[in-house]
């Protein structure tokens, strides 16, 4: 006695569903990467900050170098001069006393000198930064940025999506096996 449904058919449905979800995930990640690249490619407007004070004190760990890091497509931040004014005097900071990491919307400046005089003058103080950066003053940049920000919220629902997939697979297997047992050919 044969059933119209067989176990092999049920397993093939599950495998097809898993492959479809995997393909959708790969396409989603590729789309996000392309949006990020588009946002950087349309960042062609140049801007300058002059003697902007860092929001936090600069340490060895680094701090955000400019308030403009939040603008769409911010990248390529280059410091042309830095100085610090403490209680006793104002000091220019040589380029060899700090590092700047600038890409993908973040510019971090970190103090690196180990000279005792430099540490006393420059470390753990707010710096005045002058420099240039690129940003995107276009609708394409704004749209790409909004898409990437929106997809960042997708992770909040990841556990629910996985749970729904697992429940769907289990229910389809239970129904499939129930149909196999319930059918009797006479």
C-alpha atoms as a PDB file:
ATOM      1  CA  UNK A   1       0.000   0.000   0.000  1.00  0.00           C
ATOM      2  CA  UNK A   2       1.496   3.281  -1.130  1.00  0.00           C
ATOM      3  CA  UNK A   3       0.660   6.764  -0.025  1.00  0.00           C
ATOM      4  CA  UNK A   4       0.327   9.676  -2.417  1.00  0.00           C
ATOM      5  CA  UNK A   5       2.860  11.544  -0.284  1.00  0.00           C
ATOM      6  CA  UNK A   6       6.211  10.094   0.551  1.00  0.00           C
ATOM      7  CA  UNK A   7       8.865  10.974   3.103  1.00  0.00           C
ATOM      8  CA  UNK A   8      11.378  11.919   0.427  1.00  0.00           C
ATOM      9  CA  UNK A   9       9.022  14.600  -0.875  1.00  0.00           C
ATOM     10  CA  UNK A  10       8.713  16.136   2.604  1.00  0.00           C
ATOM     11  CA  UNK A  11      12.494  16.295   3.047  1.00  0.00           C
ATOM     12  CA  UNK A  12      12.864  17.893  -0.373  1.00  0.00           C
ATOM     13  CA  UNK A  13      10.434  20.655   0.663  1.00  0.00           C
ATOM     14  CA  UNK A  14      12.477  21.383   3.782  1.00  0.00           C
ATOM     15  CA  UNK A  15      15.743  21.447   1.822  1.00  0.00           C
ATOM     16  CA  UNK A  16      14.214  23.774  -0.779  1.00  0.00           C
ATOM     17  CA  UNK A  17      13.026  26.151   1.964  1.00  0.00           C
ATOM     18  CA  UNK A  18      16.428  26.236   3.645  1.00  0.00           C
ATOM     19  CA  UNK A  19      18.184  26.878   0.323  1.00  0.00           C
ATOM     20  CA  UNK A  20      15.746  29.702  -0.472  1.00  0.00           C
ATOM     21  CA  UNK A  21      16.406  31.347   2.904  1.00  0.00           C
ATOM     22  CA  UNK A  22      20.167  31.012   2.421  1.00  0.00           C
ATOM     23  CA  UNK A  23      19.973  32.602  -1.030  1.00  0.00           C
ATOM     24  CA  UNK A  24      17.801  35.448   0.321  1.00  0.00           C
ATOM     25  CA  UNK A  25      20.332  36.095   3.111  1.00  0.00           C
ATOM     26  CA  UNK A  26      23.222  36.206   0.666  1.00  0.00           C
ATOM     27  CA  UNK A  27      21.357  38.649  -1.585  1.00  0.00           C
ATOM     28  CA  UNK A  28      20.489  40.862   1.408  1.00  0.00           C
ATOM     29  CA  UNK A  29      24.129  41.062   2.499  1.00  0.00           C
ATOM     30  CA  UNK A  30      25.288  41.784  -1.056  1.00  0.00           C
ATOM     31  CA  UNK A  31      22.699  44.574  -1.322  1.00  0.00           C
ATOM     32  CA  UNK A  32      23.888  46.166   1.918  1.00  0.00           C
ATOM     33  CA  UNK A  33      27.504  46.053   0.761  1.00  0.00           C
ATOM     34  CA  UNK A  34      26.531  47.702  -2.530  1.00  0.00           C
ATOM     35  CA  UNK A  35      24.591  50.433  -0.676  1.00  0.00           C
ATOM     36  CA  UNK A  36      27.608  51.127   1.522  1.00  0.00           C
ATOM     37  CA  UNK A  37      29.885  51.389  -1.511  1.00  0.00           C
ATOM     38  CA  UNK A  38      27.410  53.677  -3.268  1.00  0.00           C
ATOM     39  CA  UNK A  39      27.310  55.956  -0.232  1.00  0.00           C
ATOM     40  CA  UNK A  40      31.102  56.220  -0.260  1.00  0.00           C
ATOM     41  CA  UNK A  41      31.289  56.699  -4.048  1.00  0.00           C
ATOM     42  CA  UNK A  42      28.932  59.683  -4.040  1.00  0.00           C
ATOM     43  CA  UNK A  43      30.897  61.375  -1.243  1.00  0.00           C
ATOM     44  CA  UNK A  44      32.660  63.954  -3.379  1.00  0.00           C
ATOM     45  CA  UNK A  45      31.945  67.244  -1.605  1.00  0.00           C
ATOM     46  CA  UNK A  46      34.931  68.581   0.294  1.00  0.00           C
ATOM     47  CA  UNK A  47      34.593  70.401   3.600  1.00  0.00           C
ATOM     48  CA  UNK A  48      36.958  71.940   6.127  1.00  0.00           C
ATOM     49  CA  UNK A  49      36.821  72.201   9.902  1.00  0.00           C
ATOM     50  CA  UNK A  50      38.907  74.939  11.513  1.00  0.00           C
ATOM     51  CA  UNK A  51      39.963  74.814  15.161  1.00  0.00           C
ATOM     52  CA  UNK A  52      37.069  72.568  16.103  1.00  0.00           C
ATOM     53  CA  UNK A  53      37.400  71.361  19.678  1.00  0.00           C
ATOM     54  CA  UNK A  54      37.049  67.622  20.197  1.00  0.00           C
ATOM     55  CA  UNK A  55      33.964  66.622  22.148  1.00  0.00           C
ATOM     56  CA  UNK A  56      35.947  64.467  24.575  1.00  0.00           C
ATOM     57  CA  UNK A  57      39.521  64.514  25.807  1.00  0.00           C
ATOM     58  CA  UNK A  58      42.039  62.845  23.519  1.00  0.00           C
ATOM     59  CA  UNK A  59      43.769  59.823  25.050  1.00  0.00           C
ATOM     60  CA  UNK A  60      45.750  56.821  23.872  1.00  0.00           C
ATOM     61  CA  UNK A  61      42.474  55.033  23.137  1.00  0.00           C
ATOM     62  CA  UNK A  62      41.311  57.880  20.907  1.00  0.00           C
ATOM     63  CA  UNK A  63      38.229  60.016  20.612  1.00  0.00           C
ATOM     64  CA  UNK A  64      35.941  61.235  17.876  1.00  0.00           C
ATOM     65  CA  UNK A  65      37.890  63.973  16.151  1.00  0.00           C
ATOM     66  CA  UNK A  66      35.091  66.117  14.758  1.00  0.00           C
ATOM     67  CA  UNK A  67      31.384  66.663  15.234  1.00  0.00           C
ATOM     68  CA  UNK A  68      30.894  66.307  11.474  1.00  0.00           C
ATOM     69  CA  UNK A  69      31.504  62.553  11.475  1.00  0.00           C
ATOM     70  CA  UNK A  70      27.743  62.080  11.415  1.00  0.00           C
ATOM     71  CA  UNK A  71      27.202  63.710   8.010  1.00  0.00           C
ATOM     72  CA  UNK A  72      26.247  61.422   5.158  1.00  0.00           C
ATOM     73  CA  UNK A  73      29.194  59.693   3.504  1.00  0.00           C
ATOM     74  CA  UNK A  74      31.825  61.178   5.829  1.00  0.00           C
ATOM     75  CA  UNK A  75      35.271  59.810   4.913  1.00  0.00           C
ATOM     76  CA  UNK A  76      38.882  60.727   4.123  1.00  0.00           C
ATOM     77  CA  UNK A  77      39.345  62.949   7.169  1.00  0.00           C
ATOM     78  CA  UNK A  78      42.842  64.461   7.149  1.00  0.00           C
ATOM     79  CA  UNK A  79      44.156  66.629   9.974  1.00  0.00           C
ATOM     80  CA  UNK A  80      46.235  69.560   8.745  1.00  0.00           C
ATOM     81  CA  UNK A  81      46.958  70.944  12.217  1.00  0.00           C
ATOM     82  CA  UNK A  82      46.186  70.235  15.835  1.00  0.00           C
ATOM     83  CA  UNK A  83      46.795  72.242  18.968  1.00  0.00           C
ATOM     84  CA  UNK A  84      45.862  72.209  22.605  1.00  0.00           C
ATOM     85  CA  UNK A  85      45.324  75.020  25.030  1.00  0.00           C
ATOM     86  CA  UNK A  86      45.662  74.073  28.661  1.00  0.00           C
ATOM     87  CA  UNK A  87      45.768  76.168  31.804  1.00  0.00           C
ATOM     88  CA  UNK A  88      49.346  77.338  31.225  1.00  0.00           C
ATOM     89  CA  UNK A  89      49.770  77.859  27.477  1.00  0.00           C
ATOM     90  CA  UNK A  90      48.800  76.885  23.920  1.00  0.00           C
ATOM     91  CA  UNK A  91      50.826  74.201  22.142  1.00  0.00           C
ATOM     92  CA  UNK A  92      50.938  73.016  18.549  1.00  0.00           C
ATOM     93  CA  UNK A  93      50.861  69.242  18.307  1.00  0.00           C
ATOM     94  CA  UNK A  94      53.282  67.677  15.837  1.00  0.00           C
ATOM     95  CA  UNK A  95      51.817  65.067  13.479  1.00  0.00           C
ATOM     96  CA  UNK A  96      54.096  62.409  14.984  1.00  0.00           C
ATOM     97  CA  UNK A  97      52.288  62.687  18.334  1.00  0.00           C
ATOM     98  CA  UNK A  98      48.918  61.370  17.132  1.00  0.00           C
ATOM     99  CA  UNK A  99      47.227  59.067  14.676  1.00  0.00           C
ATOM    100  CA  UNK A 100      44.038  59.643  12.732  1.00  0.00           C
ATOM    101  CA  UNK A 101      41.794  56.815  11.618  1.00  0.00           C
ATOM    102  CA  UNK A 102      39.218  58.081   9.160  1.00  0.00           C
ATOM    103  CA  UNK A 103      36.834  56.008   7.133  1.00  0.00           C
ATOM    104  CA  UNK A 104      33.212  54.984   6.856  1.00  0.00           C
ATOM    105  CA  UNK A 105      31.724  57.806   8.878  1.00  0.00           C
ATOM    106  CA  UNK A 106      34.156  57.787  11.791  1.00  0.00           C
ATOM    107  CA  UNK A 107      37.244  59.857  12.483  1.00  0.00           C
ATOM    108  CA  UNK A 108      39.215  58.946  15.573  1.00  0.00           C
ATOM    109  CA  UNK A 109      42.278  60.766  16.788  1.00  0.00           C
ATOM    110  CA  UNK A 110      44.553  59.048  19.303  1.00  0.00           C
ATOM    111  CA  UNK A 111      47.567  60.301  21.240  1.00  0.00           C
ATOM    112  CA  UNK A 112      50.675  58.130  20.656  1.00  0.00           C
ATOM    113  CA  UNK A 113      53.736  59.977  21.951  1.00  0.00           C
ATOM    114  CA  UNK A 114      55.549  58.535  24.975  1.00  0.00           C
ATOM    115  CA  UNK A 115      57.655  61.621  25.641  1.00  0.00           C
ATOM    116  CA  UNK A 116      56.966  62.814  29.218  1.00  0.00           C
ATOM    117  CA  UNK A 117      56.718  66.483  28.193  1.00  0.00           C
ATOM    118  CA  UNK A 118      54.281  65.623  25.401  1.00  0.00           C
ATOM    119  CA  UNK A 119      52.192  63.510  27.759  1.00  0.00           C
ATOM    120  CA  UNK A 120      51.937  66.404  30.214  1.00  0.00           C
ATOM    121  CA  UNK A 121      50.978  68.885  27.466  1.00  0.00           C
ATOM    122  CA  UNK A 122      48.787  66.908  25.072  1.00  0.00           C
ATOM    123  CA  UNK A 123      47.331  63.766  26.635  1.00  0.00           C
ATOM    124  CA  UNK A 124      43.951  63.810  28.396  1.00  0.00           C
ATOM    125  CA  UNK A 125      42.982  67.202  27.060  1.00  0.00           C
ATOM    126  CA  UNK A 126      40.594  68.532  24.429  1.00  0.00           C
ATOM    127  CA  UNK A 127      42.294  69.333  21.144  1.00  0.00           C
ATOM    128  CA  UNK A 128      41.531  71.936  18.500  1.00  0.00           C
ATOM    129  CA  UNK A 129      41.519  70.246  15.111  1.00  0.00           C
ATOM    130  CA  UNK A 130      41.823  71.738  11.638  1.00  0.00           C
ATOM    131  CA  UNK A 131      41.357  69.409   8.696  1.00  0.00           C
ATOM    132  CA  UNK A 132      39.431  68.381   5.619  1.00  0.00           C
ATOM    133  CA  UNK A 133      37.047  65.566   4.799  1.00  0.00           C
ATOM    134  CA  UNK A 134      34.756  64.340   2.059  1.00  0.00           C
ATOM    135  CA  UNK A 135      31.020  63.890   2.372  1.00  0.00           C
ATOM    136  CA  UNK A 136      28.021  63.271   0.138  1.00  0.00           C
ATOM    137  CA  UNK A 137      25.597  66.105  -0.390  1.00  0.00           C
ATOM    138  CA  UNK A 138      23.292  64.096  -2.654  1.00  0.00           C
ATOM    139  CA  UNK A 139      20.003  62.231  -2.543  1.00  0.00           C
ATOM    140  CA  UNK A 140      21.863  59.007  -3.399  1.00  0.00           C
ATOM    141  CA  UNK A 141      23.984  59.338  -0.267  1.00  0.00           C
ATOM    142  CA  UNK A 142      20.960  60.029   1.921  1.00  0.00           C
ATOM    143  CA  UNK A 143      18.997  57.126   0.425  1.00  0.00           C
ATOM    144  CA  UNK A 144      21.915  54.710   0.855  1.00  0.00           C
ATOM    145  CA  UNK A 145      22.466  55.867   4.426  1.00  0.00           C
ATOM    146  CA  UNK A 146      18.767  55.452   5.262  1.00  0.00           C
ATOM    147  CA  UNK A 147      18.702  51.957   3.771  1.00  0.00           C
ATOM    148  CA  UNK A 148      21.762  50.860   5.735  1.00  0.00           C
ATOM    149  CA  UNK A 149      20.391  52.367   8.960  1.00  0.00           C
ATOM    150  CA  UNK A 150      17.048  50.657   8.400  1.00  0.00           C
ATOM    151  CA  UNK A 151      18.664  47.294   7.820  1.00  0.00           C
ATOM    152  CA  UNK A 152      20.568  47.745  11.072  1.00  0.00           C
ATOM    153  CA  UNK A 153      17.224  47.373  12.852  1.00  0.00           C
ATOM    154  CA  UNK A 154      16.687  44.023  11.108  1.00  0.00           C
ATOM    155  CA  UNK A 155      18.920  42.340  13.692  1.00  0.00           C
ATOM    156  CA  UNK A 156      16.399  43.202  16.414  1.00  0.00           C
ATOM    157  CA  UNK A 157      13.989  40.710  14.845  1.00  0.00           C
ATOM    158  CA  UNK A 158      16.457  37.975  13.911  1.00  0.00           C
ATOM    159  CA  UNK A 159      15.492  35.675  16.796  1.00  0.00           C
ATOM    160  CA  UNK A 160      11.808  35.907  15.843  1.00  0.00           C
ATOM    161  CA  UNK A 161      12.566  35.140  12.202  1.00  0.00           C
ATOM    162  CA  UNK A 162      14.629  32.061  13.104  1.00  0.00           C
ATOM    163  CA  UNK A 163      11.913  30.885  15.494  1.00  0.00           C
ATOM    164  CA  UNK A 164       9.246  31.291  12.788  1.00  0.00           C
ATOM    165  CA  UNK A 165      11.356  29.272  10.340  1.00  0.00           C
ATOM    166  CA  UNK A 166      11.878  26.471  12.856  1.00  0.00           C
ATOM    167  CA  UNK A 167       8.151  26.367  13.698  1.00  0.00           C
ATOM    168  CA  UNK A 168       7.270  26.268   9.990  1.00  0.00           C
ATOM    169  CA  UNK A 169       9.637  23.350   9.348  1.00  0.00           C
ATOM    170  CA  UNK A 170       8.343  21.412  12.369  1.00  0.00           C
ATOM    171  CA  UNK A 171       4.684  21.970  11.479  1.00  0.00           C
ATOM    172  CA  UNK A 172       5.257  20.973   7.849  1.00  0.00           C
ATOM    173  CA  UNK A 173       6.968  17.763   8.979  1.00  0.00           C
ATOM    174  CA  UNK A 174       4.186  16.957  11.469  1.00  0.00           C
ATOM    175  CA  UNK A 175       1.460  17.564   8.902  1.00  0.00           C
ATOM    176  CA  UNK A 176       3.360  15.570   6.298  1.00  0.00           C
ATOM    177  CA  UNK A 177       3.855  12.612   8.610  1.00  0.00           C
ATOM    178  CA  UNK A 178       0.237  12.819   9.762  1.00  0.00           C
ATOM    179  CA  UNK A 179      -0.948  12.691   6.206  1.00  0.00           C
ATOM    180  CA  UNK A 180       1.229   9.637   5.594  1.00  0.00           C
ATOM    181  CA  UNK A 181      -0.279   7.783   8.539  1.00  0.00           C
ATOM    182  CA  UNK A 182      -3.863   8.871   7.970  1.00  0.00           C
ATOM    183  CA  UNK A 183      -4.145   7.787   4.342  1.00  0.00           C
ATOM    184  CA  UNK A 184      -5.043   4.240   3.760  1.00  0.00           C
ATOM    185  CA  UNK A 185      -5.499   2.808   0.359  1.00  0.00           C
ATOM    186  CA  UNK A 186      -7.963  -0.073   0.247  1.00  0.00           C
END
